[in-house]
Protein backbone atom coordinates (compact mmCIF):
# COMPACT_ATOMS: atom_id res chain seq x y z
CA MET A 1 -26.92 17.58 -20.23
CA SER A 2 -30.71 17.73 -20.70
CA ARG A 3 -33.15 17.03 -17.88
CA GLN A 4 -34.38 13.92 -19.72
CA ARG A 5 -30.82 12.59 -20.05
CA TRP A 6 -30.18 13.24 -16.35
CA ARG A 7 -33.22 11.16 -15.40
CA THR A 8 -32.11 8.35 -17.71
CA VAL A 9 -28.70 8.08 -16.02
CA LYS A 10 -30.23 8.20 -12.53
CA GLU A 11 -32.73 5.46 -13.41
CA ILE A 12 -30.15 2.96 -14.62
CA ARG A 13 -30.74 -0.37 -12.88
CA ILE A 14 -28.62 -3.48 -12.46
CA ALA A 15 -30.92 -5.23 -14.97
CA ASP A 16 -29.94 -2.64 -17.60
CA VAL A 17 -26.26 -3.46 -17.03
CA ALA A 18 -27.00 -7.19 -17.31
CA GLN A 19 -28.86 -6.68 -20.59
CA LEU A 20 -26.05 -4.56 -22.01
CA ALA A 21 -23.43 -7.15 -21.01
CA GLY A 22 -25.54 -10.12 -22.11
CA VAL A 23 -25.38 -11.80 -18.70
CA SER A 24 -27.77 -12.41 -15.79
CA THR A 25 -28.40 -9.88 -13.02
CA ALA A 26 -26.91 -12.43 -10.59
CA THR A 27 -23.66 -12.37 -12.57
CA VAL A 28 -23.54 -8.57 -12.44
CA SER A 29 -24.14 -8.65 -8.68
CA ARG A 30 -21.39 -11.23 -8.24
CA VAL A 31 -18.93 -9.16 -10.27
CA LEU A 32 -19.64 -6.05 -8.20
CA ALA A 33 -19.67 -7.77 -4.79
CA ASN A 34 -17.03 -10.50 -5.25
CA PRO A 35 -14.93 -9.76 -8.36
CA ASP A 36 -12.38 -12.45 -7.45
CA GLN A 37 -15.04 -15.16 -7.83
CA VAL A 38 -15.71 -14.59 -11.53
CA ARG A 39 -13.65 -15.22 -14.64
CA PRO A 40 -11.52 -12.29 -15.84
CA LYS A 41 -13.37 -12.23 -19.19
CA THR A 42 -16.76 -11.96 -17.47
CA HIS A 43 -15.45 -9.30 -15.10
CA ALA A 44 -14.15 -7.21 -17.99
CA LEU A 45 -17.44 -7.60 -19.90
CA VAL A 46 -19.59 -6.47 -16.97
CA MET A 47 -17.33 -3.58 -15.97
CA GLU A 48 -17.38 -2.29 -19.56
CA ALA A 49 -21.19 -2.38 -19.43
CA VAL A 50 -21.10 -0.49 -16.12
CA ARG A 51 -18.88 2.16 -17.69
CA ARG A 52 -20.98 2.52 -20.82
CA SER A 53 -24.29 2.70 -18.97
CA GLY A 54 -23.12 5.06 -16.24
CA TYR A 55 -24.48 2.70 -13.58
CA THR A 56 -23.45 3.57 -10.00
CA PRO A 57 -23.62 0.65 -7.52
CA ASN A 58 -25.44 1.33 -4.27
CA SER A 59 -22.42 0.74 -2.05
CA THR A 60 -24.31 1.57 1.15
CA ALA A 61 -26.90 -1.13 0.54
CA ARG A 62 -24.23 -3.61 -0.51
CA ASN A 63 -22.17 -2.96 2.60
CA LEU A 64 -25.20 -3.44 4.84
CA ARG A 65 -25.80 -6.83 3.25
CA THR A 66 -22.20 -7.99 3.52
CA ARG A 67 -21.54 -6.21 6.85
CA ARG A 68 -18.37 -4.81 5.39
CA THR A 69 -17.18 -1.22 5.48
CA MET A 70 -15.00 -1.68 2.38
CA THR A 71 -12.33 0.31 4.25
CA VAL A 72 -8.90 -0.66 5.59
CA LEU A 73 -6.88 1.06 8.33
CA VAL A 74 -3.13 1.51 7.76
CA VAL A 75 -1.07 2.34 10.86
CA ALA A 76 2.22 4.10 10.04
CA PRO A 77 4.96 5.22 12.47
CA ARG A 78 5.78 8.47 10.63
CA LEU A 79 4.31 9.62 7.33
CA THR A 80 7.18 12.00 6.60
CA ASN A 81 9.43 8.95 6.18
CA PRO A 82 9.68 8.42 2.40
CA VAL A 83 9.77 4.64 2.90
CA PHE A 84 6.27 4.57 4.36
CA ALA A 85 5.01 7.02 1.74
CA GLN A 86 6.09 4.64 -1.06
CA VAL A 87 4.61 1.61 0.69
CA LEU A 88 1.32 3.48 1.13
CA ARG A 89 1.18 4.14 -2.60
CA GLY A 90 1.34 0.40 -3.21
CA VAL A 91 -1.35 -0.25 -0.59
CA ASP A 92 -3.66 2.37 -2.09
CA ASP A 93 -3.18 1.05 -5.63
CA GLU A 94 -4.11 -2.49 -4.59
CA LEU A 95 -7.08 -1.47 -2.44
CA THR A 96 -8.49 0.90 -5.06
CA GLN A 97 -8.28 -1.83 -7.67
CA ASN A 98 -10.41 -4.02 -5.41
CA GLY A 99 -12.98 -1.39 -4.46
CA TYR A 100 -11.64 -0.60 -0.99
CA GLY A 101 -10.98 2.72 0.68
CA ILE A 102 -8.14 3.56 3.06
CA ILE A 103 -7.79 5.32 6.42
CA VAL A 104 -4.22 6.28 7.29
CA GLY A 105 -3.30 6.38 10.97
CA ASN A 106 -0.13 8.42 11.51
CA LEU A 107 1.43 7.68 14.91
CA ASP A 108 4.21 10.23 14.37
CA ASN A 109 6.39 7.95 16.56
CA ARG A 110 4.17 8.65 19.61
CA THR A 111 2.55 5.68 21.33
CA GLU A 112 -0.14 7.89 22.92
CA ARG A 113 -1.64 8.36 19.47
CA GLU A 114 -2.48 4.65 19.27
CA ALA A 115 -5.71 5.06 21.32
CA ARG A 116 -7.79 6.60 18.51
CA TYR A 117 -6.91 3.76 16.13
CA VAL A 118 -7.58 1.10 18.76
CA ASP A 119 -11.06 2.63 19.18
CA LEU A 120 -11.54 2.60 15.40
CA ALA A 121 -10.75 -1.11 15.23
CA LEU A 122 -12.74 -2.13 18.30
CA SER A 123 -15.82 -0.32 16.93
CA ARG A 124 -15.40 -2.30 13.69
CA GLN A 125 -15.34 0.79 11.49
CA VAL A 126 -12.84 -0.96 9.19
CA ASP A 127 -12.61 -4.45 7.72
CA GLY A 128 -8.92 -5.00 8.44
CA VAL A 129 -5.66 -3.38 9.51
CA LEU A 130 -2.22 -3.05 7.92
CA LEU A 131 0.51 -2.40 10.51
CA MET A 132 3.79 -0.71 9.60
CA ASN A 133 4.77 0.13 13.20
CA GLY A 134 6.12 -3.29 14.22
CA ARG A 135 3.57 -3.98 16.96
CA ILE A 136 -0.17 -4.34 17.61
CA PRO A 137 -1.38 -0.96 18.95
CA GLU A 138 -2.67 -0.74 22.52
CA SER A 139 -4.58 1.80 24.61
CA GLY A 140 -4.52 1.28 28.36
CA LYS A 141 -5.61 -2.31 28.92
CA ARG A 142 -7.17 -2.58 25.47
CA SER A 143 -5.42 -4.03 22.46
CA MET A 144 -6.34 -3.70 18.80
CA GLY A 145 -5.99 -7.47 18.66
CA GLU A 146 -9.21 -7.79 20.70
CA SER A 147 -11.18 -6.51 17.70
CA GLY A 148 -10.78 -9.83 15.92
CA LEU A 149 -10.09 -7.98 12.69
CA PRO A 150 -7.71 -9.44 10.11
CA MET A 151 -4.27 -7.81 10.44
CA VAL A 152 -1.07 -7.89 8.41
CA ALA A 153 2.35 -6.52 9.37
CA MET A 154 4.40 -4.82 6.65
CA CYS A 155 8.00 -3.56 6.60
CA SER A 156 8.66 -4.66 10.19
CA ALA A 157 7.54 -8.12 11.22
CA ILE A 158 5.54 -8.75 14.38
CA PRO A 159 7.06 -11.94 15.81
CA GLY A 160 4.96 -14.58 17.54
CA GLY A 161 2.91 -15.94 14.66
CA ARG A 162 -0.21 -13.87 15.42
CA VAL A 163 -0.31 -12.01 12.09
CA PRO A 164 1.12 -12.50 8.59
CA ASN A 165 4.31 -10.59 7.86
CA VAL A 166 5.34 -8.95 4.56
CA THR A 167 8.99 -7.96 4.91
CA VAL A 168 12.37 -7.96 3.17
CA GLN A 169 15.57 -9.89 3.87
CA ASP A 170 16.90 -7.43 6.46
CA ARG A 171 19.41 -9.74 8.10
CA ALA A 172 20.89 -11.09 4.87
CA ALA A 173 21.31 -7.59 3.43
CA SER A 174 23.06 -6.27 6.54
CA ARG A 175 25.45 -9.19 6.49
CA LYS A 176 26.16 -8.54 2.81
CA ALA A 177 26.88 -4.85 3.57
CA VAL A 178 29.81 -5.82 5.81
CA GLU A 179 30.98 -8.40 3.31
CA TYR A 180 30.94 -5.78 0.55
CA LEU A 181 32.91 -3.26 2.63
CA ALA A 182 35.43 -5.91 3.71
CA GLN A 183 36.03 -6.87 0.07
CA LEU A 184 36.88 -3.22 -0.59
CA GLY A 185 39.60 -3.49 2.05
CA HIS A 186 37.86 -1.82 5.01
CA ARG A 187 38.95 -3.05 8.43
CA LYS A 188 37.23 -0.61 10.77
CA PHE A 189 33.45 -0.27 10.60
CA GLY A 190 30.62 1.90 11.82
CA TYR A 191 26.95 0.96 12.27
CA ILE A 192 24.18 3.59 12.45
CA SER A 193 21.14 1.92 13.96
CA GLY A 194 17.40 2.27 13.73
CA VAL A 195 15.01 2.49 16.69
CA PRO A 196 16.68 0.39 19.44
CA GLY A 197 14.67 -2.62 20.58
CA THR A 198 12.43 -2.87 17.52
CA PHE A 199 12.31 -6.13 15.61
CA ILE A 200 13.48 -4.57 12.34
CA GLU A 201 16.51 -2.98 14.05
CA MET A 202 17.39 -6.23 15.81
CA GLU A 203 17.30 -8.06 12.48
CA ARG A 204 19.53 -5.54 10.74
CA PHE A 205 22.03 -5.33 13.59
CA THR A 206 22.12 -9.13 13.93
CA GLY A 207 22.97 -9.35 10.23
CA PHE A 208 25.68 -6.73 10.70
CA LEU A 209 27.20 -8.73 13.58
CA GLU A 210 27.07 -11.91 11.51
CA GLY A 211 28.93 -10.09 8.73
CA ILE A 212 31.57 -8.83 11.17
CA ALA A 213 32.13 -12.35 12.51
CA ALA A 214 32.15 -13.96 9.06
CA ALA A 215 34.79 -11.49 7.87
CA GLY A 216 37.02 -12.37 10.83
CA PHE A 217 36.47 -9.21 12.89
CA GLY A 218 35.28 -8.63 16.45
CA GLN A 219 33.55 -6.14 18.76
CA GLU A 220 36.64 -3.93 18.85
CA ASP A 221 36.49 -3.45 15.07
CA PHE A 222 33.25 -1.46 14.88
CA VAL A 223 31.45 1.48 16.45
CA ARG A 224 27.66 1.60 16.91
CA TRP A 225 25.59 4.77 17.00
CA GLU A 226 21.92 4.57 18.05
CA GLY A 227 18.84 6.54 17.13
CA PRO A 228 15.56 6.39 15.19
CA PHE A 229 15.30 6.02 11.42
CA MET A 230 15.82 9.74 10.74
CA PHE A 231 18.25 12.21 9.16
CA SER A 232 19.11 13.50 12.65
CA THR A 233 20.46 10.09 13.70
CA GLY A 234 23.01 10.24 10.88
CA VAL A 235 23.95 13.79 11.87
CA SER A 236 24.57 12.75 15.49
CA ALA A 237 26.59 9.73 14.35
CA ALA A 238 28.70 11.96 12.10
CA GLN A 239 29.40 14.40 14.92
CA SER A 240 30.61 11.50 17.06
CA PHE A 241 32.62 10.11 14.13
CA LEU A 242 34.42 13.43 13.67
CA ARG A 243 35.56 13.40 17.32
CA LEU A 244 37.16 9.96 17.05
CA ARG A 245 40.95 9.69 16.88
CA GLU A 246 40.73 6.41 14.95
CA ARG A 247 37.78 6.67 12.59
CA PRO A 248 35.95 3.80 10.87
CA THR A 249 36.36 3.78 7.10
CA GLY A 250 33.31 1.68 6.25
CA ILE A 251 29.88 2.82 7.48
CA PHE A 252 26.61 0.91 7.21
CA ALA A 253 23.46 2.90 8.04
CA ALA A 254 20.25 1.01 8.77
CA CYS A 255 18.30 3.53 6.68
CA ASP A 256 19.02 5.93 3.83
CA GLU A 257 17.93 8.98 5.83
CA SER A 258 20.64 8.34 8.42
CA ALA A 259 23.20 7.67 5.70
CA ILE A 260 22.37 10.98 3.99
CA GLY A 261 22.52 12.89 7.28
CA PHE A 262 25.92 11.34 7.99
CA ILE A 263 27.34 12.15 4.54
CA LYS A 264 26.12 15.74 4.61
CA THR A 265 27.69 16.38 8.02
CA VAL A 266 31.10 14.79 7.42
CA THR A 267 31.41 16.34 3.95
CA THR A 268 30.79 19.78 5.42
CA ALA A 269 33.62 19.08 7.87
CA GLY A 270 36.03 18.29 5.01
CA VAL A 271 35.86 14.48 5.05
CA ARG A 272 35.75 13.04 1.53
CA VAL A 273 33.20 10.37 0.56
CA PRO A 274 34.26 7.77 -0.54
CA ASP A 275 37.99 8.64 -0.47
CA ASP A 276 38.14 8.92 3.33
CA VAL A 277 35.02 6.98 4.35
CA SER A 278 32.59 4.72 2.47
CA VAL A 279 28.87 4.71 3.30
CA ILE A 280 26.11 2.19 2.54
CA GLY A 281 22.44 2.91 3.20
CA PHE A 282 19.30 0.81 3.34
CA ASP A 283 15.93 1.46 1.61
CA GLY A 284 16.58 2.87 -1.87
CA ILE A 285 14.54 6.05 -1.36
CA GLU A 286 14.37 8.63 -4.15
CA PHE A 287 16.46 11.14 -2.17
CA ALA A 288 19.42 8.78 -2.48
CA ASP A 289 19.55 9.51 -6.22
CA TYR A 290 20.06 13.23 -5.68
CA ILE A 291 22.89 13.51 -3.17
CA GLU A 292 26.46 13.87 -4.37
CA PRO A 293 27.94 11.34 -4.67
CA THR A 294 24.89 9.14 -5.15
CA LEU A 295 24.26 6.71 -2.30
CA THR A 296 25.19 3.04 -2.41
CA THR A 297 22.18 1.33 -0.84
CA PHE A 298 20.01 -1.77 -0.57
CA GLN A 299 16.84 -1.03 -2.52
CA GLN A 300 13.60 -2.30 -1.04
CA PRO A 301 10.67 -3.06 -3.40
CA LEU A 302 8.57 -0.53 -1.47
CA HIS A 303 5.61 -0.32 -3.83
CA GLU A 304 5.37 -4.11 -4.05
CA ILE A 305 5.55 -4.43 -0.25
CA GLY A 306 2.43 -2.27 -0.08
CA ARG A 307 0.62 -4.20 -2.77
CA ALA A 308 1.59 -7.58 -1.28
CA GLY A 309 0.46 -6.49 2.18
CA ALA A 310 -2.89 -5.27 0.87
CA ARG A 311 -3.40 -8.44 -1.20
CA THR A 312 -2.68 -10.58 1.84
CA LEU A 313 -5.14 -8.62 3.99
CA LEU A 314 -7.89 -8.83 1.37
CA ARG A 315 -7.44 -12.60 1.20
CA MET A 316 -7.78 -12.76 4.98
CA ILE A 317 -10.96 -10.65 4.87
CA GLN A 318 -12.35 -13.07 2.28
CA GLY A 319 -11.31 -16.08 4.37
CA LYS A 320 -8.88 -17.36 1.74
CA MET A 321 -5.53 -16.98 3.50
CA ASP A 322 -3.59 -20.16 4.27
CA PRO A 323 -1.49 -19.81 7.49
CA ALA A 324 1.32 -21.60 5.62
CA GLU A 325 1.63 -18.47 3.47
CA TRP A 326 1.81 -16.02 6.37
CA ASP A 327 5.49 -15.09 6.09
CA ILE A 328 6.34 -13.30 2.85
CA GLN A 329 9.91 -12.07 2.32
CA LEU A 330 10.72 -9.99 -0.73
CA PRO A 331 14.26 -9.70 -2.15
CA LEU A 332 16.51 -6.64 -1.93
CA ARG A 333 18.93 -5.29 -4.54
CA LEU A 334 22.32 -3.75 -3.80
CA LEU A 335 22.75 -0.56 -5.82
CA GLU A 336 26.49 0.09 -6.11
CA ARG A 337 26.96 3.84 -6.47
CA GLY A 338 29.32 6.64 -5.61
CA THR A 339 29.54 6.57 -1.80
CA THR A 340 31.61 3.38 -1.59
CA GLY A 341 35.18 2.72 -2.70
CA PRO A 342 38.44 1.08 -1.65
CA ALA A 343 39.57 1.68 1.90
CA PRO A 344 42.08 4.54 2.23
CA ARG A 345 45.68 3.43 2.63
CA PRO A 346 47.21 4.00 6.08
CA GLY A 347 48.68 7.48 6.19
CA GLY A 348 47.01 8.34 2.87
């Protein structure tokens, strides 16, 4: 590129974009600062002029005027969990489309790591927060809630009505899991939990209990194994399962990772899936497609959860969120695959 051409690009002004698009400078400014307040046709016209001219908005000056950082904090329990990775992709897609950046706070399942993100919020270095950890982070006597920033909970709801929640139908799916296994003839069940005491785990276990009761069974007809949403929880559950004299034949795991850990361990010990034991997971992660047999699971719309959470937060930042729309529940889909089948016949 010649020196003269370089100067031409650097000297592009907002008035040049307006002239190229055939609109006023005020319209160009409105498109760049508040794209949701202009008609789609006008937005497309101006953005094409921006692209053709090579104009670069002065984001620093704009942010000083609006007092916005154009950045959102996302707090995740554990980034190695493929569920959160897929949700983050949806968040990033939605934020990028709207001119926002993202800071990812990885708690790694350790509450002591919350302090740095509480400080970030209290110092107003972000415009809003997306929470995937099921609670509002705290540090000593300080709470992120004191920042006054807009917040949205995703994946796991935060009960109490303080923030909008973008979740799935956890309870209904868990109930359906028992119903599905019972229809296959299973009469003894196993439940592999998520993190005990968390809202998402309580919802899934409540649904499981409702399914047990609706199918005419009781406490004596199932075994519960506890642990976090991890492969290792399924491994521990499988080791306990293998020691039982009377083993459950229908297993529901509160996450796919636990289901996969369970299947791998019992298969290695000579137990056949699904001939000896059927297993249902929860999440629909990509790994579930690559085990043998493929995992029957409830598929969450993970990418859409991220996009819906980000959209909700942006509406709150813009002051457009109606509290009547705070609770968003997205549907799940049961993927019937190779890890479930008819219950084994007694003595078979």
